[in-house]
């Protein structure tokens, strides 16, 4: 009888221990699983925050806006708009308006290109003047004409209508009305850049050529070559340092 009672007590004790062990083990596994899951989620969240977004370059408004003289900021292939070397702020427009207003015969001598070389003593080239037509020069000339003819001061809104940043043009003023007999091309770093538009005024004393800004590296110097169509060996070359004409 005693043996039977002891057997029953032993069986109950073992059962209780198994239940307790199972409960503790399950509790321990649940805690460990929670810790692992929590750690994994935490690490994952931390990773998504800490990884830098390398696809978006870090830039500042100072870098995006052109600062004159700093060649590293001027893009090799500029786009139209405020990244353009000759783009104008409202303050610069007002400066151009006032400069033109003060001179009733403003011509923009500051924008004249220096002669680099000439293969001919012909008067066609001897008396030729070449100008780079930046938006500033256009605004100043317009302001000068408006004030001289109509006694009125140009406004920022008015000049914005004819300012264009997608091209840069050059004008050659020649004697004897020979403009139609001449051709103009731009050379930069051994590459010939052809104009996309050419105009000759009615009396043949001025030829204007337009080049796309996307074809020019404004950080590098260039040469404007003007030659006779019938005899290309007769030409004159003019040096261009684009930064020299930022005002």
C-alpha atoms as a PDB file:
ATOM      1  CA  UNK A   1       0.000   0.000   0.000  1.00  0.00           C
ATOM      2  CA  UNK A   2       2.804   2.410   0.980  1.00  0.00           C
ATOM      3  CA  UNK A   3       4.635   1.590  -2.240  1.00  0.00           C
ATOM      4  CA  UNK A   4       1.548   2.398  -4.297  1.00  0.00           C
ATOM      5  CA  UNK A   5       1.115   5.756  -2.522  1.00  0.00           C
ATOM      6  CA  UNK A   6       4.785   6.667  -3.085  1.00  0.00           C
ATOM      7  CA  UNK A   7       4.468   5.770  -6.775  1.00  0.00           C
ATOM      8  CA  UNK A   8       1.454   8.043  -7.154  1.00  0.00           C
ATOM      9  CA  UNK A   9       3.241  10.938  -5.399  1.00  0.00           C
ATOM     10  CA  UNK A  10       6.324  10.483  -7.580  1.00  0.00           C
ATOM     11  CA  UNK A  11       4.210  10.486 -10.735  1.00  0.00           C
ATOM     12  CA  UNK A  12       2.440  13.714  -9.674  1.00  0.00           C
ATOM     13  CA  UNK A  13       5.789  15.353  -8.826  1.00  0.00           C
ATOM     14  CA  UNK A  14       7.266  14.463 -12.219  1.00  0.00           C
ATOM     15  CA  UNK A  15       4.177  15.766 -14.023  1.00  0.00           C
ATOM     16  CA  UNK A  16       4.346  19.090 -12.172  1.00  0.00           C
ATOM     17  CA  UNK A  17       8.066  19.445 -12.968  1.00  0.00           C
ATOM     18  CA  UNK A  18       7.440  18.752 -16.661  1.00  0.00           C
ATOM     19  CA  UNK A  19       4.699  21.402 -16.774  1.00  0.00           C
ATOM     20  CA  UNK A  20       6.890  23.914 -14.975  1.00  0.00           C
ATOM     21  CA  UNK A  21       9.869  23.168 -17.229  1.00  0.00           C
ATOM     22  CA  UNK A  22       7.690  23.452 -20.344  1.00  0.00           C
ATOM     23  CA  UNK A  23       6.256  26.713 -19.138  1.00  0.00           C
ATOM     24  CA  UNK A  24       9.666  28.170 -18.323  1.00  0.00           C
ATOM     25  CA  UNK A  25      11.141  26.978 -21.617  1.00  0.00           C
ATOM     26  CA  UNK A  26       8.256  28.409 -23.598  1.00  0.00           C
ATOM     27  CA  UNK A  27       8.468  31.673 -21.671  1.00  0.00           C
ATOM     28  CA  UNK A  28      12.199  31.816 -22.293  1.00  0.00           C
ATOM     29  CA  UNK A  29      11.759  31.129 -26.001  1.00  0.00           C
ATOM     30  CA  UNK A  30       9.050  33.749 -26.285  1.00  0.00           C
ATOM     31  CA  UNK A  31      11.271  36.318 -24.539  1.00  0.00           C
ATOM     32  CA  UNK A  32      14.258  35.440 -26.669  1.00  0.00           C
ATOM     33  CA  UNK A  33      12.133  35.548 -29.819  1.00  0.00           C
ATOM     34  CA  UNK A  34      10.783  38.930 -28.825  1.00  0.00           C
ATOM     35  CA  UNK A  35      14.269  40.181 -28.128  1.00  0.00           C
ATOM     36  CA  UNK A  36      15.571  38.900 -31.457  1.00  0.00           C
ATOM     37  CA  UNK A  37      12.580  40.263 -33.322  1.00  0.00           C
ATOM     38  CA  UNK A  38      12.880  43.601 -31.549  1.00  0.00           C
ATOM     39  CA  UNK A  39      16.621  43.748 -32.196  1.00  0.00           C
ATOM     40  CA  UNK A  40      16.130  42.886 -35.859  1.00  0.00           C
ATOM     41  CA  UNK A  41      13.447  45.528 -36.297  1.00  0.00           C
ATOM     42  CA  UNK A  42      15.580  48.076 -34.473  1.00  0.00           C
ATOM     43  CA  UNK A  43      18.621  47.285 -36.607  1.00  0.00           C
ATOM     44  CA  UNK A  44      16.534  47.409 -39.748  1.00  0.00           C
ATOM     45  CA  UNK A  45      15.081  50.769 -38.800  1.00  0.00           C
ATOM     46  CA  UNK A  46      18.519  52.060 -37.881  1.00  0.00           C
ATOM     47  CA  UNK A  47      19.945  50.927 -41.237  1.00  0.00           C
ATOM     48  CA  UNK A  48      17.234  52.629 -43.257  1.00  0.00           C
ATOM     49  CA  UNK A  49      17.961  55.885 -41.467  1.00  0.00           C
ATOM     50  CA  UNK A  50      21.726  55.759 -41.447  1.00  0.00           C
ATOM     51  CA  UNK A  51      22.319  54.804 -45.100  1.00  0.00           C
ATOM     52  CA  UNK A  52      23.009  58.067 -46.957  1.00  0.00           C
ATOM     53  CA  UNK A  53      21.074  58.754 -50.125  1.00  0.00           C
ATOM     54  CA  UNK A  54      23.986  58.849 -52.536  1.00  0.00           C
ATOM     55  CA  UNK A  55      21.750  59.256 -55.576  1.00  0.00           C
ATOM     56  CA  UNK A  56      21.025  62.875 -54.655  1.00  0.00           C
ATOM     57  CA  UNK A  57      24.099  65.103 -54.647  1.00  0.00           C
ATOM     58  CA  UNK A  58      24.500  67.530 -51.794  1.00  0.00           C
ATOM     59  CA  UNK A  59      24.260  70.997 -53.239  1.00  0.00           C
ATOM     60  CA  UNK A  60      23.642  74.475 -51.951  1.00  0.00           C
ATOM     61  CA  UNK A  61      22.038  77.543 -53.424  1.00  0.00           C
ATOM     62  CA  UNK A  62      25.491  79.118 -53.528  1.00  0.00           C
ATOM     63  CA  UNK A  63      26.730  76.356 -55.812  1.00  0.00           C
ATOM     64  CA  UNK A  64      23.578  76.419 -57.924  1.00  0.00           C
ATOM     65  CA  UNK A  65      23.779  80.170 -58.428  1.00  0.00           C
ATOM     66  CA  UNK A  66      26.577  81.530 -60.563  1.00  0.00           C
ATOM     67  CA  UNK A  67      29.266  83.463 -58.745  1.00  0.00           C
ATOM     68  CA  UNK A  68      31.263  85.570 -61.134  1.00  0.00           C
ATOM     69  CA  UNK A  69      34.988  84.776 -61.550  1.00  0.00           C
ATOM     70  CA  UNK A  70      34.719  81.316 -59.923  1.00  0.00           C
ATOM     71  CA  UNK A  71      35.420  79.126 -62.951  1.00  0.00           C
ATOM     72  CA  UNK A  72      34.656  75.907 -61.069  1.00  0.00           C
ATOM     73  CA  UNK A  73      31.018  76.913 -60.730  1.00  0.00           C
ATOM     74  CA  UNK A  74      30.461  77.724 -64.391  1.00  0.00           C
ATOM     75  CA  UNK A  75      29.200  74.522 -66.021  1.00  0.00           C
ATOM     76  CA  UNK A  76      30.917  73.149 -69.086  1.00  0.00           C
ATOM     77  CA  UNK A  77      27.661  72.822 -70.932  1.00  0.00           C
ATOM     78  CA  UNK A  78      25.346  75.473 -69.576  1.00  0.00           C
ATOM     79  CA  UNK A  79      21.596  75.361 -69.783  1.00  0.00           C
ATOM     80  CA  UNK A  80      19.297  78.256 -70.362  1.00  0.00           C
ATOM     81  CA  UNK A  81      18.113  80.061 -67.265  1.00  0.00           C
ATOM     82  CA  UNK A  82      19.936  80.990 -64.101  1.00  0.00           C
ATOM     83  CA  UNK A  83      22.803  78.554 -64.664  1.00  0.00           C
ATOM     84  CA  UNK A  84      23.802  80.597 -67.693  1.00  0.00           C
ATOM     85  CA  UNK A  85      26.979  82.674 -67.352  1.00  0.00           C
ATOM     86  CA  UNK A  86      25.240  85.819 -68.641  1.00  0.00           C
ATOM     87  CA  UNK A  87      21.949  85.443 -66.778  1.00  0.00           C
ATOM     88  CA  UNK A  88      20.815  88.628 -65.074  1.00  0.00           C
ATOM     89  CA  UNK A  89      19.310  89.303 -61.682  1.00  0.00           C
ATOM     90  CA  UNK A  90      16.855  92.161 -61.286  1.00  0.00           C
ATOM     91  CA  UNK A  91      19.668  94.269 -59.828  1.00  0.00           C
ATOM     92  CA  UNK A  92      21.872  93.611 -62.852  1.00  0.00           C
ATOM     93  CA  UNK A  93      19.019  94.489 -65.196  1.00  0.00           C
ATOM     94  CA  UNK A  94      18.517  97.804 -63.412  1.00  0.00           C
ATOM     95  CA  UNK A  95      22.253  98.447 -63.633  1.00  0.00           C
ATOM     96  CA  UNK A  96      22.140  97.876 -67.409  1.00  0.00           C
ATOM     97  CA  UNK A  97      19.060 100.079 -67.754  1.00  0.00           C
ATOM     98  CA  UNK A  98      20.719 102.920 -65.858  1.00  0.00           C
ATOM     99  CA  UNK A  99      23.992 102.567 -67.777  1.00  0.00           C
ATOM    100  CA  UNK A 100      22.170 102.819 -71.093  1.00  0.00           C
ATOM    101  CA  UNK A 101      20.020 105.695 -69.892  1.00  0.00           C
ATOM    102  CA  UNK A 102      23.088 107.768 -69.035  1.00  0.00           C
ATOM    103  CA  UNK A 103      24.446 107.494 -72.584  1.00  0.00           C
ATOM    104  CA  UNK A 104      22.160 108.521 -75.418  1.00  0.00           C
ATOM    105  CA  UNK A 105      24.430 106.766 -77.909  1.00  0.00           C
ATOM    106  CA  UNK A 106      25.346 103.689 -75.862  1.00  0.00           C
ATOM    107  CA  UNK A 107      27.138 101.080 -77.944  1.00  0.00           C
ATOM    108  CA  UNK A 108      28.708  98.815 -75.346  1.00  0.00           C
ATOM    109  CA  UNK A 109      32.410  99.237 -76.017  1.00  0.00           C
ATOM    110  CA  UNK A 110      33.110  96.949 -73.066  1.00  0.00           C
ATOM    111  CA  UNK A 111      31.759  94.069 -75.152  1.00  0.00           C
ATOM    112  CA  UNK A 112      34.107  94.569 -78.091  1.00  0.00           C
ATOM    113  CA  UNK A 113      36.344  91.575 -78.942  1.00  0.00           C
ATOM    114  CA  UNK A 114      40.098  92.133 -79.281  1.00  0.00           C
ATOM    115  CA  UNK A 115      41.720  91.313 -82.617  1.00  0.00           C
ATOM    116  CA  UNK A 116      43.927  88.241 -82.345  1.00  0.00           C
ATOM    117  CA  UNK A 117      45.339  88.037 -85.863  1.00  0.00           C
ATOM    118  CA  UNK A 118      44.586  88.922 -89.471  1.00  0.00           C
ATOM    119  CA  UNK A 119      45.898  87.561 -92.753  1.00  0.00           C
ATOM    120  CA  UNK A 120      44.947  90.573 -94.791  1.00  0.00           C
ATOM    121  CA  UNK A 121      45.475  94.326 -94.780  1.00  0.00           C
ATOM    122  CA  UNK A 122      42.222  94.734 -96.653  1.00  0.00           C
ATOM    123  CA  UNK A 123      40.048  97.520 -95.268  1.00  0.00           C
ATOM    124  CA  UNK A 124      37.208  95.008 -94.862  1.00  0.00           C
ATOM    125  CA  UNK A 125      39.001  93.603 -91.842  1.00  0.00           C
ATOM    126  CA  UNK A 126      40.925  96.717 -90.871  1.00  0.00           C
ATOM    127  CA  UNK A 127      37.810  98.687 -89.978  1.00  0.00           C
ATOM    128  CA  UNK A 128      35.792  95.798 -88.606  1.00  0.00           C
ATOM    129  CA  UNK A 129      34.460  95.805 -85.033  1.00  0.00           C
ATOM    130  CA  UNK A 130      33.164  92.630 -83.411  1.00  0.00           C
ATOM    131  CA  UNK A 131      30.901  92.590 -80.349  1.00  0.00           C
ATOM    132  CA  UNK A 132      29.597  89.825 -78.128  1.00  0.00           C
ATOM    133  CA  UNK A 133      25.902  90.412 -77.544  1.00  0.00           C
ATOM    134  CA  UNK A 134      25.228  89.435 -73.958  1.00  0.00           C
ATOM    135  CA  UNK A 135      21.791  90.108 -72.439  1.00  0.00           C
ATOM    136  CA  UNK A 136      23.367  92.988 -70.489  1.00  0.00           C
ATOM    137  CA  UNK A 137      24.450  94.722 -73.710  1.00  0.00           C
ATOM    138  CA  UNK A 138      21.011  94.246 -75.249  1.00  0.00           C
ATOM    139  CA  UNK A 139      19.285  95.743 -72.205  1.00  0.00           C
ATOM    140  CA  UNK A 140      21.639  98.727 -72.060  1.00  0.00           C
ATOM    141  CA  UNK A 141      21.237  99.475 -75.790  1.00  0.00           C
ATOM    142  CA  UNK A 142      17.453  99.212 -75.548  1.00  0.00           C
ATOM    143  CA  UNK A 143      17.424 101.494 -72.505  1.00  0.00           C
ATOM    144  CA  UNK A 144      19.620 104.034 -74.301  1.00  0.00           C
ATOM    145  CA  UNK A 145      17.344 104.106 -77.359  1.00  0.00           C
ATOM    146  CA  UNK A 146      14.158 104.392 -75.311  1.00  0.00           C
ATOM    147  CA  UNK A 147      15.446 107.253 -73.220  1.00  0.00           C
ATOM    148  CA  UNK A 148      17.025 109.120 -76.120  1.00  0.00           C
ATOM    149  CA  UNK A 149      13.990 108.854 -78.419  1.00  0.00           C
ATOM    150  CA  UNK A 150      11.031 108.827 -76.047  1.00  0.00           C
ATOM    151  CA  UNK A 151      12.343 110.216 -72.737  1.00  0.00           C
ATOM    152  CA  UNK A 152      11.196 107.082 -70.965  1.00  0.00           C
ATOM    153  CA  UNK A 153      12.983 104.720 -68.608  1.00  0.00           C
ATOM    154  CA  UNK A 154      12.740 101.023 -69.427  1.00  0.00           C
ATOM    155  CA  UNK A 155      11.350  98.642 -66.812  1.00  0.00           C
ATOM    156  CA  UNK A 156      12.457  95.182 -65.706  1.00  0.00           C
ATOM    157  CA  UNK A 157       9.191  93.644 -66.957  1.00  0.00           C
ATOM    158  CA  UNK A 158       9.676  95.292 -70.346  1.00  0.00           C
ATOM    159  CA  UNK A 159      13.196  94.012 -71.017  1.00  0.00           C
ATOM    160  CA  UNK A 160      12.419  90.494 -69.773  1.00  0.00           C
ATOM    161  CA  UNK A 161      10.343  90.032 -72.922  1.00  0.00           C
ATOM    162  CA  UNK A 162      13.337  90.110 -75.245  1.00  0.00           C
ATOM    163  CA  UNK A 163      16.043  88.578 -73.041  1.00  0.00           C
ATOM    164  CA  UNK A 164      16.997  85.104 -74.239  1.00  0.00           C
ATOM    165  CA  UNK A 165      19.351  82.682 -72.510  1.00  0.00           C
ATOM    166  CA  UNK A 166      19.330  79.804 -74.991  1.00  0.00           C
ATOM    167  CA  UNK A 167      21.819  81.388 -77.395  1.00  0.00           C
ATOM    168  CA  UNK A 168      24.707  83.850 -77.582  1.00  0.00           C
ATOM    169  CA  UNK A 169      25.250  86.066 -80.590  1.00  0.00           C
ATOM    170  CA  UNK A 170      28.082  88.115 -82.083  1.00  0.00           C
ATOM    171  CA  UNK A 171      27.807  91.110 -84.378  1.00  0.00           C
ATOM    172  CA  UNK A 172      30.355  92.236 -86.963  1.00  0.00           C
ATOM    173  CA  UNK A 173      30.201  95.863 -88.064  1.00  0.00           C
ATOM    174  CA  UNK A 174      31.938  96.283 -91.418  1.00  0.00           C
ATOM    175  CA  UNK A 175      32.596  98.990 -93.994  1.00  0.00           C
ATOM    176  CA  UNK A 176      31.284  99.204 -97.562  1.00  0.00           C
ATOM    177  CA  UNK A 177      28.276  96.968 -96.939  1.00  0.00           C
ATOM    178  CA  UNK A 178      30.250  93.746 -97.324  1.00  0.00           C
ATOM    179  CA  UNK A 179      28.512  91.807 -94.561  1.00  0.00           C
ATOM    180  CA  UNK A 180      26.902  89.320 -96.958  1.00  0.00           C
ATOM    181  CA  UNK A 181      30.298  88.496 -98.436  1.00  0.00           C
ATOM    182  CA  UNK A 182      31.638  87.312 -95.088  1.00  0.00           C
ATOM    183  CA  UNK A 183      31.139  84.155 -93.033  1.00  0.00           C
ATOM    184  CA  UNK A 184      31.649  83.670 -89.290  1.00  0.00           C
ATOM    185  CA  UNK A 185      32.524  80.557 -87.339  1.00  0.00           C
ATOM    186  CA  UNK A 186      33.448  79.859 -83.729  1.00  0.00           C
ATOM    187  CA  UNK A 187      36.376  77.626 -82.789  1.00  0.00           C
ATOM    188  CA  UNK A 188      36.946  76.172 -79.337  1.00  0.00           C
ATOM    189  CA  UNK A 189      39.519  73.564 -78.317  1.00  0.00           C
ATOM    190  CA  UNK A 190      40.068  72.569 -81.948  1.00  0.00           C
ATOM    191  CA  UNK A 191      36.362  72.165 -82.633  1.00  0.00           C
ATOM    192  CA  UNK A 192      34.474  74.279 -85.172  1.00  0.00           C
ATOM    193  CA  UNK A 193      31.067  75.407 -83.943  1.00  0.00           C
ATOM    194  CA  UNK A 194      28.685  76.423 -86.695  1.00  0.00           C
ATOM    195  CA  UNK A 195      26.057  79.113 -86.064  1.00  0.00           C
ATOM    196  CA  UNK A 196      22.419  78.029 -86.231  1.00  0.00           C
ATOM    197  CA  UNK A 197      21.248  81.443 -87.421  1.00  0.00           C
ATOM    198  CA  UNK A 198      22.815  84.286 -89.423  1.00  0.00           C
ATOM    199  CA  UNK A 199      21.404  87.728 -90.165  1.00  0.00           C
ATOM    200  CA  UNK A 200      22.604  90.594 -92.389  1.00  0.00           C
ATOM    201  CA  UNK A 201      21.076  94.033 -92.031  1.00  0.00           C
ATOM    202  CA  UNK A 202      19.665  95.817 -95.077  1.00  0.00           C
ATOM    203  CA  UNK A 203      22.609  98.092 -95.808  1.00  0.00           C
ATOM    204  CA  UNK A 204      25.084  95.214 -95.411  1.00  0.00           C
ATOM    205  CA  UNK A 205      27.105  96.891 -92.679  1.00  0.00           C
ATOM    206  CA  UNK A 206      26.357  94.388 -89.945  1.00  0.00           C
ATOM    207  CA  UNK A 207      26.318  90.605 -89.766  1.00  0.00           C
ATOM    208  CA  UNK A 208      24.995  88.807 -86.667  1.00  0.00           C
ATOM    209  CA  UNK A 209      25.431  85.135 -85.885  1.00  0.00           C
ATOM    210  CA  UNK A 210      23.761  83.054 -83.181  1.00  0.00           C
ATOM    211  CA  UNK A 211      25.237  80.022 -81.419  1.00  0.00           C
ATOM    212  CA  UNK A 212      23.459  77.639 -79.099  1.00  0.00           C
ATOM    213  CA  UNK A 213      24.734  77.903 -75.522  1.00  0.00           C
ATOM    214  CA  UNK A 214      24.694  74.095 -75.336  1.00  0.00           C
ATOM    215  CA  UNK A 215      27.486  73.959 -77.935  1.00  0.00           C
ATOM    216  CA  UNK A 216      29.878  76.177 -75.944  1.00  0.00           C
ATOM    217  CA  UNK A 217      32.040  75.620 -72.883  1.00  0.00           C
ATOM    218  CA  UNK A 218      32.002  79.045 -71.255  1.00  0.00           C
ATOM    219  CA  UNK A 219      34.911  78.154 -68.976  1.00  0.00           C
ATOM    220  CA  UNK A 220      37.291  77.864 -71.912  1.00  0.00           C
ATOM    221  CA  UNK A 221      38.522  80.583 -74.313  1.00  0.00           C
ATOM    222  CA  UNK A 222      37.397  80.538 -77.929  1.00  0.00           C
ATOM    223  CA  UNK A 223      38.194  82.210 -81.234  1.00  0.00           C
ATOM    224  CA  UNK A 224      35.754  83.904 -83.567  1.00  0.00           C
ATOM    225  CA  UNK A 225      36.933  83.641 -87.169  1.00  0.00           C
ATOM    226  CA  UNK A 226      35.556  85.911 -89.898  1.00  0.00           C
ATOM    227  CA  UNK A 227      36.536  85.202 -93.494  1.00  0.00           C
ATOM    228  CA  UNK A 228      35.585  85.989 -97.053  1.00  0.00           C
ATOM    229  CA  UNK A 229      33.263  83.392 -98.544  1.00  0.00           C
ATOM    230  CA  UNK A 230      35.001  83.558-101.922  1.00  0.00           C
ATOM    231  CA  UNK A 231      38.475  83.392-100.398  1.00  0.00           C
ATOM    232  CA  UNK A 232      38.585  81.764 -96.909  1.00  0.00           C
ATOM    233  CA  UNK A 233      42.333  82.396 -96.688  1.00  0.00           C
ATOM    234  CA  UNK A 234      41.518  86.031 -96.093  1.00  0.00           C
ATOM    235  CA  UNK A 235      40.288  86.199 -92.527  1.00  0.00           C
ATOM    236  CA  UNK A 236      40.566  87.859 -89.143  1.00  0.00           C
ATOM    237  CA  UNK A 237      40.435  86.126 -85.758  1.00  0.00           C
ATOM    238  CA  UNK A 238      39.138  87.550 -82.499  1.00  0.00           C
ATOM    239  CA  UNK A 239      39.838  86.268 -79.031  1.00  0.00           C
ATOM    240  CA  UNK A 240      36.986  85.457 -76.636  1.00  0.00           C
ATOM    241  CA  UNK A 241      37.375  85.013 -72.890  1.00  0.00           C
ATOM    242  CA  UNK A 242      33.756  84.642 -71.843  1.00  0.00           C
ATOM    243  CA  UNK A 243      34.258  85.646 -68.196  1.00  0.00           C
ATOM    244  CA  UNK A 244      35.529  89.064 -69.324  1.00  0.00           C
ATOM    245  CA  UNK A 245      32.024  90.023 -70.450  1.00  0.00           C
ATOM    246  CA  UNK A 246      30.098  89.270 -67.274  1.00  0.00           C
ATOM    247  CA  UNK A 247      28.762  92.500 -65.732  1.00  0.00           C
END
